[in-house]
Each structure stands twice: as C-alpha cells, then as structure tokens.
Amino acid sequence: DCQTWSTKEVLNWASEAQRKLWDDVSLGYTESLGHPLLLQAIWDRYLPAVQREETRRGGGALPREVGKQNAVKITTCVPVEGIYIVMRQLLQPGDVVIAMEPAYQALTEIARSRGCEILSWKPHYDAENFWNFRLEDLQFLLKKCLGTLRMVIINSPHNPTGVSFTQTQLNQIFELLEDLDEMPILFSDEMYTAILGEEGAAGPPSNAGRKNSIVLSGLSKPWGMPGEHFEKVVMLRDYTTMCLPHHSEILSMIALQEAETFLKRNRQICDENYRLLQEFLLRMSDWFYPLVQEKQVQAESPFPFRASTVFPRLKHPLGGLGSALDALESPSSLAEHLASEYSICMIVSEKFEFDCPAVRFGIGMSSFPKSLQMLEEALNDIRSRAESA
C-alpha cells in the first residue's frame, strides 16, 4: 500500500453536500449495490476508458448518468472479495486459467482451489535490468490450451515487478483473446493503475467496458485508503457483503471527486523512493543487481514509469559471501534471519513461489527511506560477521 490518509484529512476536502451527508449519516443499512452518488462517481471516473472502447468498436456517445449504463454494476468491500466472487461464480473444476505470475495469491489460489489448471505467464529479466512480460509467451500459452481456456488473469501495473502495459499492449492482449474460437473471460486487476500519473481525456490504460472482461479496481494502493476498500467488480455478491458502510461510501465519494489531490502526494513519494532504492542497489552491488524498470515503459506511453512495488533481483551467492553463515544459504534463510535478528520484514521471491531470486520492495510509504537504511545497516552487519567467521 501507499501512504495512508486520516479521516480528518479526507473530510477537509469534502464539499458542503458531502459534509452534510457525513454529519447526518445513520448506522443503518445502506443501498445494497452502493450509494447512487458513489456509483455515479465511479462511472464518472471510468467513463473515458469505457467510451474509448465503445468508440473502438464503432459505437456512439455513452450516457453520463450511471443509471443508464451497463459497465458499473456493484461495489464490494475488499478486493479479495471481488476476486473470490468472480472465481466462485465463473470457474469450474477442470477449467484452464492463464495468469501472470508471480502474483497476489488470491488471483491464482482461489482458481486452483476450484480445481482449475493454472498456466503461468512469467516475466523475463532483461539484460538491461528490468522485468518484462512478452506477448509471444502469452501466444504460446494460448495455443497450448485451445478449446479448454476459461479465463486469463492480468495485473497492470504488476505486483510485484512494477511492469506496466500501455493501452496498445492491453489492446493487443484483448485482440489475441478475441480472435480465439471461444473467447475466454479477461480478468483485469487494475488496483495500481492510478499511480501512473495525471490522466488526460482518454484516462489511464484499462480494459474497462470490454466484452467478456471484468475489471478490479479500488481506493487502496495508490490512493492510500486501504481502510475504505471499495472495489468495483461486475459480478453478484449475494453471499458476501450485503451492503456497504455509510462512512466509507462518503469518504470514497470525496476521494473520487478530488482524485488528483489525493494521488499526487503518493506519486511523488513513489518517485523519490524509487530513486533512493536505485542508489541503494548500486551501493549494495554484492547483494543486488541494479534496477532500471523504467526501460520497460515504451516510448509511446503517455505516462512515465511509476510503481509502488518493484522486484530487484538478488545475486548469488548472497552478498558474494558464500555460505559462511546459515543466513546466507538461501533468500528465505536471509529473510528469516533479518526478521529474527533485526526486526526487518523482507519478502523474497520464494514467498511468491517464483524461482528467480528477488525481493519485493514496497516504495509507496514515507517511512521507506528509514526502512531502507535499516536494511543496509543489517546487510553490512551480516557481511562483517560472515567475514570474521
């Protein structure tokens, strides 16, 4: 997640009408599908992306009133709830699912628990020190499961690597699926999209409004409001959240109305922390490869590289030290040692069941520079102990 906001900070940006809603709110039940004003705010945000797709298909202008459209359906309370509902409703035992991996666990494990076969679309680490997902690898997987494919799961910007698809690349992925004899469901996790930058008339890259597509998004991650957990997903949820908290709905309306106000700060934090991380990786060159993930962003992209999670690679042997200490036997051993001896939580690639040694860094918090300093001091201390062993 990124740097969070307090309730007081969010309310400072409330309009007079929103403040009255807040002051007069009851603790009773709310609209089952979401407050009409919240649904309108969501529709206002997604209208440019949905209109872009409608235009691509040769359609006309879409209505501005949320009640007259078909793209924004309901809200759920947390992202995993949206993922759970989709997987439970749409997948059956024996279905084949292609998913970008490494990934947020629920994106694959719920499908796996349904008895589905998961085919992994894995990233490549370029010689110029950045991660990239290649479309030819997706094409290979599509050919491998002709006639049995039920769903393709993508996540952009990607957690943990920071890979971000342009709209052109999203179009290419969609067209690959659309050209199949039987088009699978496209599940597009866009939880991190808002981190990319200020949005022009067309909005950020998105699969919103597309045939056979479900888009997951929300106000955690770049927005810094994980406590609100409003995720938009087109699916029924009668057996999960029956209605949503009044207070969270109102805070969400305020955030969506003042989007750039709330996003600008966390974009700046991510930019500065990414720079600090790159400098750290160069100083700690015995432990890590450099990271220049910005090289993955195509020249055509209207957005500069920005991410709140990145995935620098670890070198082997760790620290160039061999196995002088038990902590240096594997990335997991190092992570366990850092946790027990230095109170540092380091998430390594093995926790994602990914076989290329790497570390996930979350760079969206203002506390990141201090955490990075603690890690550097700990790794230097481990080096000293190993060399004197």
Foldseek 3Di string as FASTA:
>chain_A
DFAADDPVVLCVLDDPVLVVLVVPPDFDFDDQQADLLLLLLVCVQCLLQQVVVCVVVVHDHDDSRSVRDDQFTGKDFALLLQLLQCLVVQAAAAAEEEEEPLADVSNPVSNVVRNYHYDYQYWDQDPVAATDGDVVSVVVVCVVQAPRHAEYEYEACGPAARQHDALVVVVVVQVSQVPGPDRHAYEYEDAWQLLFDDADSNGGRDPGNDPNYWYWYDCPDLLNCNVLRIITTPGDNVPHRRGHGSSSSSSSSSCSVVVCVRRVVLSVQQVVLVVVVQVLCVVLVLFWDGHDNQVSDDPPHPTGRTDQKRKTATDPQGSVLHPLDVCRPAPVSVQVCCCVPPVAHWAWCVVSVDDGTITMDGRNYPCSVVSSVSVVVVVVVVVVVSVVD
